[in-house]
ModelCIF file with pLDDT and N, C-alpha, C, O atoms, coordinates in Angstrom:
data_MODEL
#
_entry.id   MODEL 
#
_entity.id                         1 
_entity.type                       polymer 
_entity.pdbx_number_of_molecules   1 
#
_entity_poly.entity_id                      1 
_entity_poly.type                           'polypeptide(L)' 
_entity_poly.nstd_linkage                   no 
_entity_poly.nstd_monomer                   no 
_entity_poly.pdbx_seq_one_letter_code       PGRRAQQAIIKLLEYLNDGYTYIVDIDLEKFFDNVPQDKLMYLVG 
_entity_poly.pdbx_seq_one_letter_code_can   PGRRAQQAIIKLLEYLNDGYTYIVDIDLEKFFDNVPQDKLMYLVG 
_entity_poly.pdbx_strand_id                 A 
#
loop_
_entity_poly_seq.entity_id 
_entity_poly_seq.num 
_entity_poly_seq.mon_id 
_entity_poly_seq.hetero 
1 1  PRO n 
1 2  GLY n 
1 3  ARG n 
1 4  ARG n 
1 5  ALA n 
1 6  GLN n 
1 7  GLN n 
1 8  ALA n 
1 9  ILE n 
1 10 ILE n 
1 11 LYS n 
1 12 LEU n 
1 13 LEU n 
1 14 GLU n 
1 15 TYR n 
1 16 LEU n 
1 17 ASN n 
1 18 ASP n 
1 19 GLY n 
1 20 TYR n 
1 21 THR n 
1 22 TYR n 
1 23 ILE n 
1 24 VAL n 
1 25 ASP n 
1 26 ILE n 
1 27 ASP n 
1 28 LEU n 
1 29 GLU n 
1 30 LYS n 
1 31 PHE n 
1 32 PHE n 
1 33 ASP n 
1 34 ASN n 
1 35 VAL n 
1 36 PRO n 
1 37 GLN n 
1 38 ASP n 
1 39 LYS n 
1 40 LEU n 
1 41 MET n 
1 42 TYR n 
1 43 LEU n 
1 44 VAL n 
1 45 GLY n 
#
_struct_asym.id          A 
_struct_asym.entity_id   1 
#
loop_
_ma_qa_metric.id 
_ma_qa_metric.mode 
_ma_qa_metric.name 
_ma_qa_metric.software_group_id 
_ma_qa_metric.type 
1 global pLDDT . pLDDT 
2 local  pLDDT . pLDDT 
#
_ma_qa_metric_global.metric_id      1 
_ma_qa_metric_global.metric_value   96.13 
_ma_qa_metric_global.model_id       1 
_ma_qa_metric_global.ordinal_id     1 
#
loop_
_ma_qa_metric_local.label_asym_id 
_ma_qa_metric_local.label_comp_id 
_ma_qa_metric_local.label_seq_id 
_ma_qa_metric_local.metric_id 
_ma_qa_metric_local.metric_value 
_ma_qa_metric_local.model_id 
_ma_qa_metric_local.ordinal_id 
A PRO 1  2 94.00 1 1  
A GLY 2  2 94.00 1 2  
A ARG 3  2 96.00 1 3  
A ARG 4  2 96.00 1 4  
A ALA 5  2 97.00 1 5  
A GLN 6  2 98.00 1 6  
A GLN 7  2 98.00 1 7  
A ALA 8  2 98.00 1 8  
A ILE 9  2 98.00 1 9  
A ILE 10 2 98.00 1 10 
A LYS 11 2 98.00 1 11 
A LEU 12 2 98.00 1 12 
A LEU 13 2 98.00 1 13 
A GLU 14 2 98.00 1 14 
A TYR 15 2 98.00 1 15 
A LEU 16 2 98.00 1 16 
A ASN 17 2 98.00 1 17 
A ASP 18 2 98.00 1 18 
A GLY 19 2 97.00 1 19 
A TYR 20 2 98.00 1 20 
A THR 21 2 98.00 1 21 
A TYR 22 2 98.00 1 22 
A ILE 23 2 98.00 1 23 
A VAL 24 2 98.00 1 24 
A ASP 25 2 97.00 1 25 
A ILE 26 2 94.00 1 26 
A ASP 27 2 94.00 1 27 
A LEU 28 2 94.00 1 28 
A GLU 29 2 92.00 1 29 
A LYS 30 2 90.00 1 30 
A PHE 31 2 93.00 1 31 
A PHE 32 2 91.00 1 32 
A ASP 33 2 90.00 1 33 
A ASN 34 2 92.00 1 34 
A VAL 35 2 95.00 1 35 
A PRO 36 2 96.00 1 36 
A GLN 37 2 96.00 1 37 
A ASP 38 2 96.00 1 38 
A LYS 39 2 96.00 1 39 
A LEU 40 2 97.00 1 40 
A MET 41 2 97.00 1 41 
A TYR 42 2 97.00 1 42 
A LEU 43 2 97.00 1 43 
A VAL 44 2 97.00 1 44 
A GLY 45 2 97.00 1 45 
#
loop_
_atom_site.group_PDB 
_atom_site.id 
_atom_site.type_symbol 
_atom_site.label_atom_id 
_atom_site.label_alt_id 
_atom_site.label_comp_id 
_atom_site.label_asym_id 
_atom_site.label_entity_id 
_atom_site.label_seq_id 
_atom_site.pdbx_PDB_ins_code 
_atom_site.Cartn_x 
_atom_site.Cartn_y 
_atom_site.Cartn_z 
_atom_site.occupancy 
_atom_site.B_iso_or_equiv 
_atom_site.pdbx_formal_charge 
_atom_site.auth_seq_id 
_atom_site.auth_comp_id 
_atom_site.auth_asym_id 
_atom_site.auth_atom_id 
_atom_site.pdbx_PDB_model_num 
ATOM 1   N N  . PRO A 1 1  ? -2.733  -10.779 9.385   1.00 94.00 ? 1  PRO A N  1 
ATOM 2   C CA . PRO A 1 1  ? -2.754  -11.242 10.824  1.00 94.00 ? 1  PRO A CA 1 
ATOM 3   C C  . PRO A 1 1  ? -1.675  -10.616 11.521  1.00 94.00 ? 1  PRO A C  1 
ATOM 4   O O  . PRO A 1 1  ? -0.521  -10.642 11.093  1.00 94.00 ? 1  PRO A O  1 
ATOM 5   N N  . GLY A 1 2  ? -2.048  -10.006 12.676  1.00 94.00 ? 2  GLY A N  1 
ATOM 6   C CA . GLY A 1 2  ? -1.066  -9.316  13.665  1.00 94.00 ? 2  GLY A CA 1 
ATOM 7   C C  . GLY A 1 2  ? -0.581  -8.129  13.069  1.00 94.00 ? 2  GLY A C  1 
ATOM 8   O O  . GLY A 1 2  ? 0.397   -7.652  13.644  1.00 94.00 ? 2  GLY A O  1 
ATOM 9   N N  . ARG A 1 3  ? -1.061  -7.422  11.913  1.00 96.00 ? 3  ARG A N  1 
ATOM 10  C CA . ARG A 1 3  ? -0.903  -6.160  11.309  1.00 96.00 ? 3  ARG A CA 1 
ATOM 11  C C  . ARG A 1 3  ? -2.085  -5.333  11.542  1.00 96.00 ? 3  ARG A C  1 
ATOM 12  O O  . ARG A 1 3  ? -3.186  -5.808  11.818  1.00 96.00 ? 3  ARG A O  1 
ATOM 13  N N  . ARG A 1 4  ? -1.810  -3.955  11.412  1.00 96.00 ? 4  ARG A N  1 
ATOM 14  C CA . ARG A 1 4  ? -2.903  -2.937  11.876  1.00 96.00 ? 4  ARG A CA 1 
ATOM 15  C C  . ARG A 1 4  ? -2.338  -1.627  11.214  1.00 96.00 ? 4  ARG A C  1 
ATOM 16  O O  . ARG A 1 4  ? -1.146  -1.375  11.041  1.00 96.00 ? 4  ARG A O  1 
ATOM 17  N N  . ALA A 1 5  ? -3.328  -0.902  10.903  1.00 97.00 ? 5  ALA A N  1 
ATOM 18  C CA . ALA A 1 5  ? -3.104  0.482   10.439  1.00 97.00 ? 5  ALA A CA 1 
ATOM 19  C C  . ALA A 1 5  ? -2.271  1.394   11.177  1.00 97.00 ? 5  ALA A C  1 
ATOM 20  O O  . ALA A 1 5  ? -1.569  2.219   10.591  1.00 97.00 ? 5  ALA A O  1 
ATOM 21  N N  . GLN A 1 6  ? -2.309  1.291   12.447  1.00 98.00 ? 6  GLN A N  1 
ATOM 22  C CA . GLN A 1 6  ? -1.518  2.012   13.321  1.00 98.00 ? 6  GLN A CA 1 
ATOM 23  C C  . GLN A 1 6  ? 0.063   1.957   13.035  1.00 98.00 ? 6  GLN A C  1 
ATOM 24  O O  . GLN A 1 6  ? 0.773   2.945   12.842  1.00 98.00 ? 6  GLN A O  1 
ATOM 25  N N  . GLN A 1 7  ? 0.468   0.649   13.045  1.00 98.00 ? 7  GLN A N  1 
ATOM 26  C CA . GLN A 1 7  ? 1.860   0.345   12.512  1.00 98.00 ? 7  GLN A CA 1 
ATOM 27  C C  . GLN A 1 7  ? 2.110   0.990   11.375  1.00 98.00 ? 7  GLN A C  1 
ATOM 28  O O  . GLN A 1 7  ? 3.239   1.480   11.345  1.00 98.00 ? 7  GLN A O  1 
ATOM 29  N N  . ALA A 1 8  ? 1.373   1.184   10.312  1.00 98.00 ? 8  ALA A N  1 
ATOM 30  C CA . ALA A 1 8  ? 1.617   1.821   9.037   1.00 98.00 ? 8  ALA A CA 1 
ATOM 31  C C  . ALA A 1 8  ? 2.049   3.323   9.269   1.00 98.00 ? 8  ALA A C  1 
ATOM 32  O O  . ALA A 1 8  ? 2.903   3.995   8.691   1.00 98.00 ? 8  ALA A O  1 
ATOM 33  N N  . ILE A 1 9  ? 1.130   3.652   10.365  1.00 98.00 ? 9  ILE A N  1 
ATOM 34  C CA . ILE A 1 9  ? 1.533   5.094   10.472  1.00 98.00 ? 9  ILE A CA 1 
ATOM 35  C C  . ILE A 1 9  ? 2.861   5.570   11.403  1.00 98.00 ? 9  ILE A C  1 
ATOM 36  O O  . ILE A 1 9  ? 3.524   6.603   11.320  1.00 98.00 ? 9  ILE A O  1 
ATOM 37  N N  . ILE A 1 10 ? 2.979   4.556   12.211  1.00 98.00 ? 10 ILE A N  1 
ATOM 38  C CA . ILE A 1 10 ? 4.220   4.679   12.985  1.00 98.00 ? 10 ILE A CA 1 
ATOM 39  C C  . ILE A 1 10 ? 5.468   4.539   12.091  1.00 98.00 ? 10 ILE A C  1 
ATOM 40  O O  . ILE A 1 10 ? 6.498   5.127   12.423  1.00 98.00 ? 10 ILE A O  1 
ATOM 41  N N  . LYS A 1 11 ? 5.423   3.743   10.907  1.00 98.00 ? 11 LYS A N  1 
ATOM 42  C CA . LYS A 1 11 ? 6.392   3.342   9.941   1.00 98.00 ? 11 LYS A CA 1 
ATOM 43  C C  . LYS A 1 11 ? 6.623   4.689   9.132   1.00 98.00 ? 11 LYS A C  1 
ATOM 44  O O  . LYS A 1 11 ? 7.750   5.125   8.898   1.00 98.00 ? 11 LYS A O  1 
ATOM 45  N N  . LEU A 1 12 ? 5.445   5.307   8.728   1.00 98.00 ? 12 LEU A N  1 
ATOM 46  C CA . LEU A 1 12 ? 5.343   6.726   8.030   1.00 98.00 ? 12 LEU A CA 1 
ATOM 47  C C  . LEU A 1 12 ? 6.070   7.778   8.793   1.00 98.00 ? 12 LEU A C  1 
ATOM 48  O O  . LEU A 1 12 ? 6.797   8.629   8.280   1.00 98.00 ? 12 LEU A O  1 
ATOM 49  N N  . LEU A 1 13 ? 5.823   7.653   10.015  1.00 98.00 ? 13 LEU A N  1 
ATOM 50  C CA . LEU A 1 13 ? 6.244   8.898   10.885  1.00 98.00 ? 13 LEU A CA 1 
ATOM 51  C C  . LEU A 1 13 ? 7.832   8.546   10.969  1.00 98.00 ? 13 LEU A C  1 
ATOM 52  O O  . LEU A 1 13 ? 8.556   9.530   10.814  1.00 98.00 ? 13 LEU A O  1 
ATOM 53  N N  . GLU A 1 14 ? 8.424   7.433   11.167  1.00 98.00 ? 14 GLU A N  1 
ATOM 54  C CA . GLU A 1 14 ? 9.733   7.069   10.806  1.00 98.00 ? 14 GLU A CA 1 
ATOM 55  C C  . GLU A 1 14 ? 10.388  7.984   9.680   1.00 98.00 ? 14 GLU A C  1 
ATOM 56  O O  . GLU A 1 14 ? 11.227  8.878   9.785   1.00 98.00 ? 14 GLU A O  1 
ATOM 57  N N  . TYR A 1 15 ? 9.781   7.506   8.653   1.00 98.00 ? 15 TYR A N  1 
ATOM 58  C CA . TYR A 1 15 ? 10.210  8.233   7.349   1.00 98.00 ? 15 TYR A CA 1 
ATOM 59  C C  . TYR A 1 15 ? 10.415  9.595   7.490   1.00 98.00 ? 15 TYR A C  1 
ATOM 60  O O  . TYR A 1 15 ? 11.503  10.153  7.350   1.00 98.00 ? 15 TYR A O  1 
ATOM 61  N N  . LEU A 1 16 ? 9.191   10.214  7.812   1.00 98.00 ? 16 LEU A N  1 
ATOM 62  C CA . LEU A 1 16 ? 8.982   11.556  7.832   1.00 98.00 ? 16 LEU A CA 1 
ATOM 63  C C  . LEU A 1 16 ? 10.283  12.274  8.716   1.00 98.00 ? 16 LEU A C  1 
ATOM 64  O O  . LEU A 1 16 ? 10.950  13.192  8.239   1.00 98.00 ? 16 LEU A O  1 
ATOM 65  N N  . ASN A 1 17 ? 10.493  11.762  9.921   1.00 98.00 ? 17 ASN A N  1 
ATOM 66  C CA . ASN A 1 17 ? 11.525  12.343  10.871  1.00 98.00 ? 17 ASN A CA 1 
ATOM 67  C C  . ASN A 1 17 ? 12.886  11.909  10.485  1.00 98.00 ? 17 ASN A C  1 
ATOM 68  O O  . ASN A 1 17 ? 13.904  12.302  11.055  1.00 98.00 ? 17 ASN A O  1 
ATOM 69  N N  . ASP A 1 18 ? 12.857  10.982  9.373   1.00 98.00 ? 18 ASP A N  1 
ATOM 70  C CA . ASP A 1 18 ? 14.218  10.702  9.060   1.00 98.00 ? 18 ASP A CA 1 
ATOM 71  C C  . ASP A 1 18 ? 14.578  11.751  7.520   1.00 98.00 ? 18 ASP A C  1 
ATOM 72  O O  . ASP A 1 18 ? 15.540  11.518  6.788   1.00 98.00 ? 18 ASP A O  1 
ATOM 73  N N  . GLY A 1 19 ? 13.744  12.697  7.325   1.00 97.00 ? 19 GLY A N  1 
ATOM 74  C CA . GLY A 1 19 ? 13.755  13.544  6.237   1.00 97.00 ? 19 GLY A CA 1 
ATOM 75  C C  . GLY A 1 19 ? 13.187  13.294  5.108   1.00 97.00 ? 19 GLY A C  1 
ATOM 76  O O  . GLY A 1 19 ? 13.445  14.051  4.172   1.00 97.00 ? 19 GLY A O  1 
ATOM 77  N N  . TYR A 1 20 ? 12.276  12.181  4.903   1.00 98.00 ? 20 TYR A N  1 
ATOM 78  C CA . TYR A 1 20 ? 11.780  11.742  3.840   1.00 98.00 ? 20 TYR A CA 1 
ATOM 79  C C  . TYR A 1 20 ? 10.192  12.438  3.691   1.00 98.00 ? 20 TYR A C  1 
ATOM 80  O O  . TYR A 1 20 ? 9.134   11.833  3.870   1.00 98.00 ? 20 TYR A O  1 
ATOM 81  N N  . THR A 1 21 ? 10.353  13.851  3.318   1.00 98.00 ? 21 THR A N  1 
ATOM 82  C CA . THR A 1 21 ? 9.213   14.378  3.600   1.00 98.00 ? 21 THR A CA 1 
ATOM 83  C C  . THR A 1 21 ? 8.227   14.940  2.159   1.00 98.00 ? 21 THR A C  1 
ATOM 84  O O  . THR A 1 21 ? 7.287   15.733  2.210   1.00 98.00 ? 21 THR A O  1 
ATOM 85  N N  . TYR A 1 22 ? 8.647   14.420  1.223   1.00 98.00 ? 22 TYR A N  1 
ATOM 86  C CA . TYR A 1 22 ? 7.850   14.537  0.056   1.00 98.00 ? 22 TYR A CA 1 
ATOM 87  C C  . TYR A 1 22 ? 7.150   13.524  -0.413  1.00 98.00 ? 22 TYR A C  1 
ATOM 88  O O  . TYR A 1 22 ? 7.731   12.618  -1.011  1.00 98.00 ? 22 TYR A O  1 
ATOM 89  N N  . ILE A 1 23 ? 5.799   13.505  -0.225  1.00 98.00 ? 23 ILE A N  1 
ATOM 90  C CA . ILE A 1 23 ? 4.763   12.187  -0.486  1.00 98.00 ? 23 ILE A CA 1 
ATOM 91  C C  . ILE A 1 23 ? 4.410   11.991  -1.731  1.00 98.00 ? 23 ILE A C  1 
ATOM 92  O O  . ILE A 1 23 ? 3.954   12.906  -2.416  1.00 98.00 ? 23 ILE A O  1 
ATOM 93  N N  . VAL A 1 24 ? 4.586   10.726  -2.189  1.00 98.00 ? 24 VAL A N  1 
ATOM 94  C CA . VAL A 1 24 ? 3.843   10.237  -3.268  1.00 98.00 ? 24 VAL A CA 1 
ATOM 95  C C  . VAL A 1 24 ? 2.550   9.536   -3.059  1.00 98.00 ? 24 VAL A C  1 
ATOM 96  O O  . VAL A 1 24 ? 2.575   8.355   -2.714  1.00 98.00 ? 24 VAL A O  1 
ATOM 97  N N  . ASP A 1 25 ? 1.552   10.083  -3.217  1.00 97.00 ? 25 ASP A N  1 
ATOM 98  C CA . ASP A 1 25 ? 0.198   9.489   -2.901  1.00 97.00 ? 25 ASP A CA 1 
ATOM 99  C C  . ASP A 1 25 ? -0.584  9.038   -3.989  1.00 97.00 ? 25 ASP A C  1 
ATOM 100 O O  . ASP A 1 25 ? -1.246  9.775   -4.720  1.00 97.00 ? 25 ASP A O  1 
ATOM 101 N N  . ILE A 1 26 ? -0.479  7.620   -4.091  1.00 94.00 ? 26 ILE A N  1 
ATOM 102 C CA . ILE A 1 26 ? -0.974  7.185   -5.613  1.00 94.00 ? 26 ILE A CA 1 
ATOM 103 C C  . ILE A 1 26 ? -2.392  6.344   -5.173  1.00 94.00 ? 26 ILE A C  1 
ATOM 104 O O  . ILE A 1 26 ? -2.516  5.447   -4.339  1.00 94.00 ? 26 ILE A O  1 
ATOM 105 N N  . ASP A 1 27 ? -3.358  6.945   -6.006  1.00 94.00 ? 27 ASP A N  1 
ATOM 106 C CA . ASP A 1 27 ? -4.555  6.452   -5.666  1.00 94.00 ? 27 ASP A CA 1 
ATOM 107 C C  . ASP A 1 27 ? -4.922  5.277   -6.922  1.00 94.00 ? 27 ASP A C  1 
ATOM 108 O O  . ASP A 1 27 ? -4.873  5.682   -8.084  1.00 94.00 ? 27 ASP A O  1 
ATOM 109 N N  . LEU A 1 28 ? -5.216  4.105   -6.707  1.00 94.00 ? 28 LEU A N  1 
ATOM 110 C CA . LEU A 1 28 ? -5.616  3.278   -7.611  1.00 94.00 ? 28 LEU A CA 1 
ATOM 111 C C  . LEU A 1 28 ? -7.164  3.308   -7.950  1.00 94.00 ? 28 LEU A C  1 
ATOM 112 O O  . LEU A 1 28 ? -7.989  3.089   -7.062  1.00 94.00 ? 28 LEU A O  1 
ATOM 113 N N  . GLU A 1 29 ? -7.495  3.551   -9.103  1.00 92.00 ? 29 GLU A N  1 
ATOM 114 C CA . GLU A 1 29 ? -8.730  3.744   -9.358  1.00 92.00 ? 29 GLU A CA 1 
ATOM 115 C C  . GLU A 1 29 ? -9.686  2.484   -9.372  1.00 92.00 ? 29 GLU A C  1 
ATOM 116 O O  . GLU A 1 29 ? -9.592  1.678   -10.297 1.00 92.00 ? 29 GLU A O  1 
ATOM 117 N N  . LYS A 1 30 ? -10.652 2.297   -8.301  1.00 90.00 ? 30 LYS A N  1 
ATOM 118 C CA . LYS A 1 30 ? -11.652 1.230   -8.260  1.00 90.00 ? 30 LYS A CA 1 
ATOM 119 C C  . LYS A 1 30 ? -10.785 0.038   -8.171  1.00 90.00 ? 30 LYS A C  1 
ATOM 120 O O  . LYS A 1 30 ? -10.953 -0.849  -9.008  1.00 90.00 ? 30 LYS A O  1 
ATOM 121 N N  . PHE A 1 31 ? -9.983  -0.079  -7.367  1.00 93.00 ? 31 PHE A N  1 
ATOM 122 C CA . PHE A 1 31 ? -8.910  -1.178  -7.472  1.00 93.00 ? 31 PHE A CA 1 
ATOM 123 C C  . PHE A 1 31 ? -9.593  -2.778  -7.424  1.00 93.00 ? 31 PHE A C  1 
ATOM 124 O O  . PHE A 1 31 ? -9.318  -3.748  -8.132  1.00 93.00 ? 31 PHE A O  1 
ATOM 125 N N  . PHE A 1 32 ? -10.555 -2.650  -6.339  1.00 91.00 ? 32 PHE A N  1 
ATOM 126 C CA . PHE A 1 32 ? -11.317 -4.153  -6.446  1.00 91.00 ? 32 PHE A CA 1 
ATOM 127 C C  . PHE A 1 32 ? -12.159 -4.356  -7.375  1.00 91.00 ? 32 PHE A C  1 
ATOM 128 O O  . PHE A 1 32 ? -12.440 -5.521  -7.658  1.00 91.00 ? 32 PHE A O  1 
ATOM 129 N N  . ASP A 1 33 ? -12.747 -3.300  -8.055  1.00 90.00 ? 33 ASP A N  1 
ATOM 130 C CA . ASP A 1 33 ? -13.445 -3.541  -9.433  1.00 90.00 ? 33 ASP A CA 1 
ATOM 131 C C  . ASP A 1 33 ? -12.644 -3.635  -10.534 1.00 90.00 ? 33 ASP A C  1 
ATOM 132 O O  . ASP A 1 33 ? -13.276 -3.895  -11.558 1.00 90.00 ? 33 ASP A O  1 
ATOM 133 N N  . ASN A 1 34 ? -11.287 -3.491  -10.687 1.00 92.00 ? 34 ASN A N  1 
ATOM 134 C CA . ASN A 1 34 ? -10.351 -3.440  -11.776 1.00 92.00 ? 34 ASN A CA 1 
ATOM 135 C C  . ASN A 1 34 ? -9.349  -4.367  -11.952 1.00 92.00 ? 34 ASN A C  1 
ATOM 136 O O  . ASN A 1 34 ? -8.615  -4.376  -12.940 1.00 92.00 ? 34 ASN A O  1 
ATOM 137 N N  . VAL A 1 35 ? -9.280  -5.212  -10.962 1.00 95.00 ? 35 VAL A N  1 
ATOM 138 C CA . VAL A 1 35 ? -8.148  -6.139  -10.877 1.00 95.00 ? 35 VAL A CA 1 
ATOM 139 C C  . VAL A 1 35 ? -8.197  -7.069  -12.023 1.00 95.00 ? 35 VAL A C  1 
ATOM 140 O O  . VAL A 1 35 ? -9.303  -7.586  -12.177 1.00 95.00 ? 35 VAL A O  1 
ATOM 141 N N  . PRO A 1 36 ? -7.384  -7.376  -12.771 1.00 96.00 ? 36 PRO A N  1 
ATOM 142 C CA . PRO A 1 36 ? -7.221  -8.250  -13.920 1.00 96.00 ? 36 PRO A CA 1 
ATOM 143 C C  . PRO A 1 36 ? -7.222  -9.708  -13.531 1.00 96.00 ? 36 PRO A C  1 
ATOM 144 O O  . PRO A 1 36 ? -6.173  -10.190 -13.103 1.00 96.00 ? 36 PRO A O  1 
ATOM 145 N N  . GLN A 1 37 ? -8.304  -10.454 -13.639 1.00 96.00 ? 37 GLN A N  1 
ATOM 146 C CA . GLN A 1 37 ? -8.354  -12.015 -12.963 1.00 96.00 ? 37 GLN A CA 1 
ATOM 147 C C  . GLN A 1 37 ? -7.256  -12.635 -13.590 1.00 96.00 ? 37 GLN A C  1 
ATOM 148 O O  . GLN A 1 37 ? -6.448  -13.093 -12.782 1.00 96.00 ? 37 GLN A O  1 
ATOM 149 N N  . ASP A 1 38 ? -6.943  -12.812 -14.913 1.00 96.00 ? 38 ASP A N  1 
ATOM 150 C CA . ASP A 1 38 ? -6.085  -13.660 -15.409 1.00 96.00 ? 38 ASP A CA 1 
ATOM 151 C C  . ASP A 1 38 ? -4.569  -13.319 -14.697 1.00 96.00 ? 38 ASP A C  1 
ATOM 152 O O  . ASP A 1 38 ? -3.863  -14.245 -14.298 1.00 96.00 ? 38 ASP A O  1 
ATOM 153 N N  . LYS A 1 39 ? -4.189  -12.051 -14.594 1.00 96.00 ? 39 LYS A N  1 
ATOM 154 C CA . LYS A 1 39 ? -2.981  -11.852 -13.885 1.00 96.00 ? 39 LYS A CA 1 
ATOM 155 C C  . LYS A 1 39 ? -2.970  -12.120 -12.539 1.00 96.00 ? 39 LYS A C  1 
ATOM 156 O O  . LYS A 1 39 ? -1.923  -12.454 -11.984 1.00 96.00 ? 39 LYS A O  1 
ATOM 157 N N  . LEU A 1 40 ? -4.281  -11.985 -11.792 1.00 97.00 ? 40 LEU A N  1 
ATOM 158 C CA . LEU A 1 40 ? -4.332  -12.334 -10.364 1.00 97.00 ? 40 LEU A CA 1 
ATOM 159 C C  . LEU A 1 40 ? -4.130  -13.958 -10.163 1.00 97.00 ? 40 LEU A C  1 
ATOM 160 O O  . LEU A 1 40 ? -3.485  -14.481 -9.254  1.00 97.00 ? 40 LEU A O  1 
ATOM 161 N N  . MET A 1 41 ? -4.781  -14.583 -11.149 1.00 97.00 ? 41 MET A N  1 
ATOM 162 C CA . MET A 1 41 ? -4.686  -16.235 -10.899 1.00 97.00 ? 41 MET A CA 1 
ATOM 163 C C  . MET A 1 41 ? -3.400  -16.744 -11.284 1.00 97.00 ? 41 MET A C  1 
ATOM 164 O O  . MET A 1 41 ? -2.913  -17.812 -10.914 1.00 97.00 ? 41 MET A O  1 
ATOM 165 N N  . TYR A 1 42 ? -2.812  -15.774 -12.167 1.00 97.00 ? 42 TYR A N  1 
ATOM 166 C CA . TYR A 1 42 ? -1.280  -16.475 -12.521 1.00 97.00 ? 42 TYR A CA 1 
ATOM 167 C C  . TYR A 1 42 ? -0.448  -16.186 -11.253 1.00 97.00 ? 42 TYR A C  1 
ATOM 168 O O  . TYR A 1 42 ? 0.490   -16.950 -11.022 1.00 97.00 ? 42 TYR A O  1 
ATOM 169 N N  . LEU A 1 43 ? -0.668  -15.262 -10.488 1.00 97.00 ? 43 LEU A N  1 
ATOM 170 C CA . LEU A 1 43 ? 0.074   -14.765 -9.270  1.00 97.00 ? 43 LEU A CA 1 
ATOM 171 C C  . LEU A 1 43 ? -0.203  -15.806 -8.372  1.00 97.00 ? 43 LEU A C  1 
ATOM 172 O O  . LEU A 1 43 ? 0.757   -16.309 -7.789  1.00 97.00 ? 43 LEU A O  1 
ATOM 173 N N  . VAL A 1 44 ? -1.365  -16.237 -8.143  1.00 97.00 ? 44 VAL A N  1 
ATOM 174 C CA . VAL A 1 44 ? -1.701  -17.234 -7.228  1.00 97.00 ? 44 VAL A CA 1 
ATOM 175 C C  . VAL A 1 44 ? -1.277  -18.457 -7.458  1.00 97.00 ? 44 VAL A C  1 
ATOM 176 O O  . VAL A 1 44 ? -1.036  -19.241 -6.540  1.00 97.00 ? 44 VAL A O  1 
ATOM 177 N N  . GLY A 1 45 ? -1.125  -18.789 -8.872  1.00 97.00 ? 45 GLY A N  1 
ATOM 178 C CA . GLY A 1 45 ? -0.766  -20.379 -9.318  1.00 97.00 ? 45 GLY A CA 1 
ATOM 179 C C  . GLY A 1 45 ? 0.766   -20.293 -8.907  1.00 97.00 ? 45 GLY A C  1 
ATOM 180 O O  . GLY A 1 45 ? 1.500   -21.270 -9.053  1.00 97.00 ? 45 GLY A O  1 
#
């Protein structure tokens, strides 16, 4: 609620302009298909 993609871009630009210009772009493979349900429900609980 109250958050959007543009805020993420603005924060990322802050980092870049502060000199943090090497980017680690991590791709989670088929995230929604691969979530371990037991781990997830433990966190919910």
